[in-house]
Protein backbone atom coordinates (compact mmCIF):
# COMPACT_ATOMS: atom_id res chain seq x y z
CA UNK A 1 58.87 15.89 90.53
CA UNK A 2 61.39 13.52 92.07
CA UNK A 3 65.13 13.89 92.23
CA UNK A 4 67.80 11.38 93.09
CA UNK A 5 71.46 11.87 93.80
CA UNK A 6 74.01 9.14 93.32
CA UNK A 7 77.54 9.21 94.68
CA UNK A 8 80.20 6.75 93.63
CA UNK A 9 83.73 6.22 94.77
CA UNK A 10 86.38 3.56 94.65
CA UNK A 11 87.49 2.77 98.19
CA UNK A 12 88.90 -0.72 97.59
CA UNK A 13 88.89 -3.67 95.18
CA UNK A 14 85.78 -5.21 96.71
CA UNK A 15 83.67 -4.88 93.56
CA UNK A 16 80.48 -3.01 92.82
CA UNK A 17 77.52 -2.96 95.18
CA UNK A 18 74.45 -0.94 96.13
CA UNK A 19 73.76 0.02 99.72
CA UNK A 20 71.33 2.24 101.53
CA UNK A 21 67.61 2.62 102.11
CA UNK A 22 64.61 4.33 100.63
CA UNK A 23 62.31 5.30 103.52
CA UNK A 24 58.64 5.89 102.74
CA UNK A 25 57.20 6.03 106.27
CA UNK A 26 57.74 7.71 108.64
CA UNK A 27 58.34 10.77 106.50
CA UNK A 28 61.00 12.25 108.79
CA UNK A 29 63.85 10.95 110.95
CA UNK A 30 62.13 12.12 114.14
CA UNK A 31 58.45 11.39 114.74
CA UNK A 32 56.32 12.77 117.56
CA UNK A 33 53.28 10.91 118.90
CA UNK A 34 50.54 11.66 121.41
CA UNK A 35 50.07 9.54 124.54
CA UNK A 36 47.20 7.57 122.99
CA UNK A 37 49.02 6.59 119.75
CA UNK A 38 49.56 2.83 119.80
CA UNK A 39 51.08 2.20 116.36
CA UNK A 40 52.67 3.60 113.22
CA UNK A 41 54.04 2.13 110.02
CA UNK A 42 57.63 1.57 108.96
CA UNK A 43 57.90 1.20 105.19
CA UNK A 44 61.28 1.06 103.45
CA UNK A 45 63.28 -0.52 100.66
CA UNK A 46 66.72 -1.86 101.49
CA UNK A 47 69.29 -2.15 98.73
CA UNK A 48 71.32 -4.62 100.79
CA UNK A 49 70.81 -7.01 103.69
CA UNK A 50 69.94 -5.10 106.85
CA UNK A 51 69.24 -5.27 110.55
CA UNK A 52 67.44 -2.95 112.92
CA UNK A 53 68.89 -2.20 116.36
CA UNK A 54 67.86 -0.28 119.45
CA UNK A 55 70.23 2.61 120.04
CA UNK A 56 71.85 2.59 123.47
CA UNK A 57 70.88 5.26 125.94
CA UNK A 58 67.16 5.11 125.07
CA UNK A 59 64.30 3.26 126.75
CA UNK A 60 62.85 1.28 123.85
CA UNK A 61 60.81 -0.96 126.15
CA UNK A 62 57.59 0.72 125.02
CA UNK A 63 57.98 0.09 121.27
CA UNK A 64 57.65 -3.20 119.36
CA UNK A 65 59.40 -3.76 116.03
CA UNK A 66 58.27 -7.13 114.60
CA UNK A 67 60.82 -7.53 111.78
CA UNK A 68 64.43 -6.75 112.76
CA UNK A 69 66.43 -8.35 109.92
CA UNK A 70 65.90 -8.64 106.20
CA UNK A 71 67.27 -9.16 102.72
CA UNK A 72 68.14 -6.57 100.13
CA UNK A 73 65.97 -5.74 97.11
CA UNK A 74 62.76 -6.19 99.11
CA UNK A 75 60.13 -3.64 100.09
CA UNK A 76 59.37 -4.04 103.81
CA UNK A 77 56.17 -2.79 105.41
CA UNK A 78 55.46 -3.38 109.07
CA UNK A 79 53.44 -1.97 111.92
CA UNK A 80 55.38 -0.68 114.93
CA UNK A 81 53.53 -1.03 118.20
CA UNK A 82 53.62 1.46 121.08
CA UNK A 83 52.48 0.93 124.66
CA UNK A 84 50.07 3.70 125.56
CA UNK A 85 51.72 6.42 127.63
CA UNK A 86 49.80 6.83 130.90
CA UNK A 87 52.68 8.41 132.86
CA UNK A 88 52.09 12.09 132.04
CA UNK A 89 55.81 12.23 131.12
CA UNK A 90 57.47 12.42 127.73
CA UNK A 91 59.45 9.40 126.55
CA UNK A 92 61.99 8.81 123.82
CA UNK A 93 63.01 5.73 121.86
CA UNK A 94 65.55 5.39 119.04
CA UNK A 95 66.11 2.67 116.45
CA UNK A 96 68.57 2.43 113.58
CA UNK A 97 68.38 0.45 110.35
CA UNK A 98 71.87 -0.68 109.21
CA UNK A 99 73.18 -2.28 106.05
CA UNK A 100 74.87 -5.43 107.38
CA UNK A 101 77.15 -6.06 104.38
CA UNK A 102 78.32 -2.45 103.90
CA UNK A 103 77.88 -0.52 107.17
C-alpha cells in the first residue's frame, strides 16, 4: 500500500508548478556505512530542475557524487563513491539536493 500527500497553496501569481523529490535510495535521510564500504546508490526523481551541494561544516572530501545538476521529470540513478576509511575514526559528510527553480 502506498500513500501520497499533496499540499497546495497560493503564495503569489507565479503560476502552477511542481517541485520536490521522490527518493528511492538511500531509504533514509541518514545512512551509516562501515569503513570498507566504497559506494552506494543515489536514486531519485526530481519534479523540477535541481542541483546537489555539499553542506558547509562537513568534510565531504571522501565522497564522490558524479552528477550534481539535472533537469526535472527525469529519474536519476548514480553511484556515489567513498574513499575507504583507514583512520580508525568516524567521519561525517552531508549533501543536499535542491530544487533550483523553487527552493
